[in-house]
């Protein structure tokens, strides 16, 4: 996947995390990657203006976990 697609994958992760996010243009290389080159096996619908694909996206989220040494509390 190229640099542009990697950046777009990060944007896609942000969109998925934020329900109020606006649609954004994604590079073809990202779309090819997540649809397995627009595989018929992943096609779940077709209409007058679009084909719908079921895609699986792995999103890695990094969290800082602070554990207090005097209690069983995490924040």
N, C-alpha and C. Protein backbone atom coordinates (compact mmCIF):
# COMPACT_ATOMS: atom_id res chain seq x y z
N UNK A 1 0.85 -1.17 0.00
CA UNK A 1 0.00 0.00 0.00
C UNK A 1 0.90 1.24 0.00
N UNK A 2 0.56 2.22 -0.81
CA UNK A 2 1.40 3.40 -0.91
C UNK A 2 1.16 4.37 0.25
N UNK A 3 2.01 5.40 0.32
CA UNK A 3 1.94 6.38 1.42
C UNK A 3 0.57 7.06 1.46
N UNK A 4 0.04 7.39 0.29
CA UNK A 4 -1.25 8.07 0.22
C UNK A 4 -2.35 7.18 0.79
N UNK A 5 -2.30 5.89 0.48
CA UNK A 5 -3.31 4.96 0.98
C UNK A 5 -3.16 4.75 2.48
N UNK A 6 -1.93 4.74 2.98
CA UNK A 6 -1.71 4.60 4.41
C UNK A 6 -2.29 5.79 5.16
N UNK A 7 -2.07 6.98 4.63
CA UNK A 7 -2.64 8.18 5.23
C UNK A 7 -4.17 8.13 5.17
N UNK A 8 -4.69 7.64 4.05
CA UNK A 8 -6.14 7.54 3.90
C UNK A 8 -6.72 6.52 4.86
N UNK A 9 -5.98 5.45 5.14
CA UNK A 9 -6.44 4.45 6.10
C UNK A 9 -6.59 5.10 7.48
N UNK A 10 -5.67 6.00 7.82
CA UNK A 10 -5.78 6.72 9.09
C UNK A 10 -7.00 7.63 9.10
N UNK A 11 -7.26 8.30 7.97
CA UNK A 11 -8.45 9.13 7.85
C UNK A 11 -9.70 8.27 7.97
N UNK A 12 -9.69 7.10 7.35
CA UNK A 12 -10.82 6.18 7.43
C UNK A 12 -11.06 5.76 8.87
N UNK A 13 -10.02 5.48 9.61
CA UNK A 13 -10.15 5.11 11.02
C UNK A 13 -10.80 6.25 11.81
N UNK A 14 -10.41 7.49 11.51
CA UNK A 14 -11.00 8.64 12.19
C UNK A 14 -12.48 8.78 11.84
N UNK A 15 -12.82 8.55 10.58
CA UNK A 15 -14.21 8.63 10.15
C UNK A 15 -15.05 7.59 10.88
N UNK A 16 -14.52 6.37 10.98
CA UNK A 16 -15.25 5.30 11.66
C UNK A 16 -15.42 5.58 13.14
N UNK A 17 -14.47 6.27 13.74
CA UNK A 17 -14.54 6.58 15.16
C UNK A 17 -15.45 7.77 15.45
N UNK A 18 -15.68 8.63 14.47
CA UNK A 18 -16.46 9.85 14.66
C UNK A 18 -17.68 9.82 13.75
N UNK A 19 -18.85 9.58 14.35
CA UNK A 19 -20.08 9.47 13.57
C UNK A 19 -20.47 10.77 12.88
N UNK A 20 -19.92 11.90 13.30
CA UNK A 20 -20.26 13.18 12.70
C UNK A 20 -19.28 13.58 11.59
N UNK A 21 -18.29 12.75 11.31
CA UNK A 21 -17.28 13.07 10.30
C UNK A 21 -17.91 13.14 8.91
N UNK A 22 -17.41 14.05 8.12
CA UNK A 22 -17.88 14.22 6.74
C UNK A 22 -17.21 13.19 5.83
N UNK A 23 -17.87 12.81 4.73
CA UNK A 23 -17.24 11.89 3.77
C UNK A 23 -15.97 12.51 3.20
N UNK A 24 -15.01 11.68 2.87
CA UNK A 24 -13.74 12.14 2.30
C UNK A 24 -13.38 11.26 1.11
N UNK A 25 -12.68 11.85 0.16
CA UNK A 25 -12.19 11.08 -0.99
C UNK A 25 -11.06 10.16 -0.51
N UNK A 26 -11.09 8.91 -0.95
CA UNK A 26 -10.05 7.93 -0.60
C UNK A 26 -9.34 7.49 -1.86
N UNK A 27 -8.04 7.23 -1.80
CA UNK A 27 -7.30 6.82 -3.00
C UNK A 27 -7.73 5.44 -3.48
N UNK A 28 -7.63 5.26 -4.78
CA UNK A 28 -7.99 4.00 -5.40
C UNK A 28 -7.22 2.83 -4.79
N UNK A 29 -5.95 3.02 -4.47
CA UNK A 29 -5.15 1.91 -3.92
C UNK A 29 -5.71 1.42 -2.59
N UNK A 30 -6.26 2.32 -1.77
CA UNK A 30 -6.88 1.91 -0.51
C UNK A 30 -8.15 1.12 -0.79
N UNK A 31 -8.98 1.63 -1.70
CA UNK A 31 -10.22 0.95 -2.03
C UNK A 31 -9.96 -0.43 -2.62
N UNK A 32 -8.94 -0.53 -3.46
CA UNK A 32 -8.58 -1.84 -4.02
C UNK A 32 -8.13 -2.79 -2.92
N UNK A 33 -7.39 -2.26 -1.96
CA UNK A 33 -6.89 -3.09 -0.87
C UNK A 33 -8.00 -3.62 0.02
N UNK A 34 -8.93 -2.76 0.42
CA UNK A 34 -9.96 -3.20 1.36
C UNK A 34 -11.09 -3.99 0.69
N UNK A 35 -11.20 -3.90 -0.65
CA UNK A 35 -12.21 -4.68 -1.36
C UNK A 35 -11.62 -5.89 -2.08
N UNK A 36 -10.35 -6.16 -1.82
CA UNK A 36 -9.62 -7.24 -2.50
C UNK A 36 -9.77 -7.10 -4.01
N UNK A 37 -9.42 -5.92 -4.49
CA UNK A 37 -9.49 -5.59 -5.92
C UNK A 37 -10.93 -5.66 -6.45
N UNK A 38 -11.86 -5.16 -5.65
CA UNK A 38 -13.27 -5.14 -6.02
C UNK A 38 -13.80 -6.54 -6.31
N UNK A 39 -13.48 -7.46 -5.42
CA UNK A 39 -13.84 -8.87 -5.56
C UNK A 39 -15.36 -9.07 -5.56
N UNK A 40 -15.82 -9.89 -6.48
CA UNK A 40 -17.24 -10.25 -6.53
C UNK A 40 -17.67 -10.94 -5.24
N UNK A 41 -16.76 -11.65 -4.60
CA UNK A 41 -17.08 -12.36 -3.35
C UNK A 41 -17.46 -11.40 -2.23
N UNK A 42 -16.96 -10.18 -2.27
CA UNK A 42 -17.26 -9.20 -1.23
C UNK A 42 -18.43 -8.29 -1.59
N UNK A 43 -18.95 -8.44 -2.80
CA UNK A 43 -20.07 -7.60 -3.23
C UNK A 43 -21.33 -8.05 -2.50
N UNK A 44 -22.02 -7.09 -1.86
CA UNK A 44 -23.25 -7.42 -1.14
C UNK A 44 -24.47 -6.70 -1.70
N UNK A 45 -24.27 -5.83 -2.66
CA UNK A 45 -25.40 -5.13 -3.25
C UNK A 45 -24.97 -4.33 -4.47
N UNK A 46 -25.97 -4.00 -5.28
CA UNK A 46 -25.70 -3.24 -6.50
C UNK A 46 -26.94 -2.41 -6.79
N UNK A 47 -26.71 -1.15 -7.15
CA UNK A 47 -27.83 -0.27 -7.47
C UNK A 47 -27.54 0.50 -8.74
N UNK A 48 -28.35 1.50 -8.99
CA UNK A 48 -28.18 2.29 -10.19
C UNK A 48 -26.92 3.13 -10.22
N UNK A 49 -26.41 3.48 -9.06
CA UNK A 49 -25.25 4.37 -9.01
C UNK A 49 -24.05 3.81 -8.27
N UNK A 50 -24.18 2.64 -7.66
CA UNK A 50 -23.05 2.15 -6.85
C UNK A 50 -23.10 0.64 -6.67
N UNK A 51 -21.94 0.11 -6.37
CA UNK A 51 -21.80 -1.28 -5.94
C UNK A 51 -21.38 -1.22 -4.48
N UNK A 52 -21.97 -2.08 -3.64
CA UNK A 52 -21.69 -2.08 -2.21
C UNK A 52 -20.87 -3.31 -1.87
N UNK A 53 -19.77 -3.10 -1.15
CA UNK A 53 -18.88 -4.18 -0.75
C UNK A 53 -18.84 -4.29 0.76
N UNK A 54 -18.76 -5.51 1.24
CA UNK A 54 -18.52 -5.74 2.66
C UNK A 54 -17.01 -5.83 2.83
N UNK A 55 -16.47 -4.98 3.69
CA UNK A 55 -15.02 -4.97 3.89
C UNK A 55 -14.71 -5.13 5.37
N UNK A 56 -13.55 -5.67 5.63
CA UNK A 56 -13.07 -5.85 6.98
C UNK A 56 -11.83 -4.98 7.13
N UNK A 57 -11.86 -4.10 8.10
CA UNK A 57 -10.77 -3.17 8.29
C UNK A 57 -10.21 -3.36 9.69
N UNK A 58 -8.93 -3.62 9.75
CA UNK A 58 -8.27 -3.74 11.04
C UNK A 58 -7.76 -2.36 11.43
N UNK A 59 -8.21 -1.90 12.57
CA UNK A 59 -7.80 -0.59 13.06
C UNK A 59 -7.02 -0.79 14.35
N UNK A 60 -5.82 -0.30 14.36
CA UNK A 60 -4.99 -0.39 15.55
C UNK A 60 -5.08 0.93 16.30
N UNK A 61 -5.40 0.84 17.57
CA UNK A 61 -5.51 2.03 18.39
C UNK A 61 -4.49 1.92 19.51
N UNK A 62 -3.72 2.95 19.69
CA UNK A 62 -2.73 2.98 20.76
C UNK A 62 -3.30 3.75 21.93
N UNK A 63 -3.25 3.15 23.09
CA UNK A 63 -3.74 3.79 24.30
C UNK A 63 -2.62 3.88 25.32
N UNK A 64 -2.63 4.94 26.09
CA UNK A 64 -1.74 5.04 27.24
C UNK A 64 -2.55 4.60 28.45
N UNK A 65 -2.08 3.60 29.14
CA UNK A 65 -2.78 3.08 30.31
C UNK A 65 -1.96 3.41 31.54
N UNK A 66 -2.57 4.14 32.44
CA UNK A 66 -1.89 4.53 33.67
C UNK A 66 -2.47 3.71 34.81
N UNK A 67 -1.64 2.95 35.48
CA UNK A 67 -2.09 2.11 36.58
C UNK A 67 -1.48 2.66 37.87
N UNK A 68 -2.35 3.04 38.76
CA UNK A 68 -1.88 3.58 40.04
C UNK A 68 -1.34 2.44 40.89
N UNK A 69 -0.19 2.61 41.48
CA UNK A 69 0.45 1.52 42.23
C UNK A 69 -0.20 1.24 43.57
N UNK A 70 -1.00 2.18 44.09
CA UNK A 70 -1.62 1.99 45.40
C UNK A 70 -3.05 1.48 45.33
N UNK A 71 -3.56 1.29 44.14
CA UNK A 71 -4.96 0.87 44.01
C UNK A 71 -5.13 0.06 42.74
N UNK A 72 -6.27 -0.55 42.62
CA UNK A 72 -6.60 -1.31 41.42
C UNK A 72 -7.38 -0.42 40.45
N UNK A 73 -6.88 0.76 40.22
CA UNK A 73 -7.57 1.73 39.38
C UNK A 73 -6.75 2.00 38.12
N UNK A 74 -7.41 2.00 37.00
CA UNK A 74 -6.76 2.34 35.73
C UNK A 74 -7.46 3.56 35.16
N UNK A 75 -6.67 4.46 34.59
CA UNK A 75 -7.25 5.59 33.86
C UNK A 75 -6.31 6.09 32.81
